[in-house]
Amino acid sequence: MSTPLITPELVAVDLVAADRDQATRALIDLLAAAGRVTDADGFHADVRDREAQMATGMPGGIGLPHARSAHVTVPSLAVGKVPAGVDFGAPDGPATLVFLIAAPASGDADHLKILAALARRLVHPEFRAALNEATDAATVARIITTEVVPA
């Protein structure tokens, strides 16, 4: 993959959001600013449609919204640390770490690979703790690149 999955400009370390929709939109705006999403409103609609099918909250304070979309140019991951937490439907409460996976409409395999690799790491408390303790976007991006992105 010539374009990195995540870069520091795709990370929001102190994201303030009242709900999952606001949190998702803030991350979509990061993707759009980086040129990875061509139509933020269109991609937001695709993510909302996916969320309506099934909640994407995971135990451990994780929100994992994701969608394939014609508005996405390259497989990307945007991350938000939401200290106040937002409800993504997890059984154990609000998400303080939100990972938005954006994949091109034709990128089914990439989307599933990213989702699987991230889910495998997120079950480890040490990985979640490292991300929660990271104080800047570059550190979050480096941890994810090291731990999640396939070589």
Foldseek 3Di string as FASTA:
>chain_A
DPDDQDALLLEAEADEDPAPLRVVLVSLVSCVVVVQFQDSVQVSVQQVVVLVVDFQDEPPQEGEGEGAEQRGDAWHKHKYQHPVFHDRPYPVDGHRIYIYTYHHNPPPVVSVLQVVLVVVQVVDPVLVVQCNPDDGSRSNRVSCCVRRPDD
